[in-house]
Amino acid sequence: MKEKALGKLIEITLISLFLYLLLFVFPNMDTFNINSFLNWDALKNFGN
């Protein structure tokens, strides 16, 4: 039972990650910069 729940959690996490990439990363791939992606100020301002 526990293993099944863990598998479901991993599945949901992977789907969420894929959707995040699809919506936010791939459309900006031409201007994609790993430094700006890891910029904490940009992440903090994301909510505003």
Protein backbone atom coordinates (compact mmCIF):
# COMPACT_ATOMS: atom_id res chain seq x y z
CA MET A 1 0.00 0.00 0.00
CA LYS A 2 2.79 2.42 0.93
CA GLU A 3 4.79 1.64 -2.22
CA LYS A 4 1.71 2.34 -4.36
CA ALA A 5 1.20 5.74 -2.72
CA LEU A 6 4.86 6.63 -3.21
CA GLY A 7 4.67 5.66 -6.87
CA LYS A 8 1.62 7.90 -7.30
CA LEU A 9 3.43 10.80 -5.62
CA ILE A 10 6.44 10.39 -7.93
CA GLU A 11 4.11 10.23 -10.94
CA ILE A 12 2.34 13.46 -9.92
CA THR A 13 5.69 15.18 -9.31
CA LEU A 14 7.00 14.18 -12.75
CA ILE A 15 3.81 15.36 -14.46
CA SER A 16 3.98 18.68 -12.59
CA LEU A 17 7.62 19.13 -13.57
CA PHE A 18 6.84 18.32 -17.22
CA LEU A 19 3.98 20.84 -17.25
CA TYR A 20 6.22 23.47 -15.66
CA LEU A 21 8.86 22.91 -18.33
CA LEU A 22 6.26 22.95 -21.09
CA LEU A 23 4.65 26.18 -19.93
CA PHE A 24 7.58 28.24 -18.65
CA VAL A 25 10.91 26.91 -19.91
CA PHE A 26 10.32 25.77 -23.49
CA PRO A 27 8.53 28.96 -24.69
CA ASN A 28 11.52 31.00 -23.45
CA MET A 29 14.18 28.60 -24.70
CA ASP A 30 15.65 31.12 -27.16
CA THR A 31 16.33 33.54 -24.31
CA PHE A 32 16.85 30.79 -21.75
CA ASN A 33 19.80 31.43 -19.48
CA ILE A 34 20.71 29.03 -16.67
CA ASN A 35 22.02 31.92 -14.58
CA SER A 36 18.73 33.83 -14.69
CA PHE A 37 16.91 30.55 -14.00
CA LEU A 38 18.94 30.15 -10.81
CA ASN A 39 18.63 33.83 -9.88
CA TRP A 40 16.85 33.99 -6.52
CA ASP A 41 15.74 37.61 -7.05
CA ALA A 42 13.92 36.56 -10.22
CA LEU A 43 12.28 33.68 -8.34
CA LYS A 44 11.22 36.00 -5.49
CA ASN A 45 9.71 38.46 -7.96
CA PHE A 46 7.87 35.63 -9.75
CA GLY A 47 4.90 35.95 -7.39
CA ASN A 48 4.44 39.68 -8.03
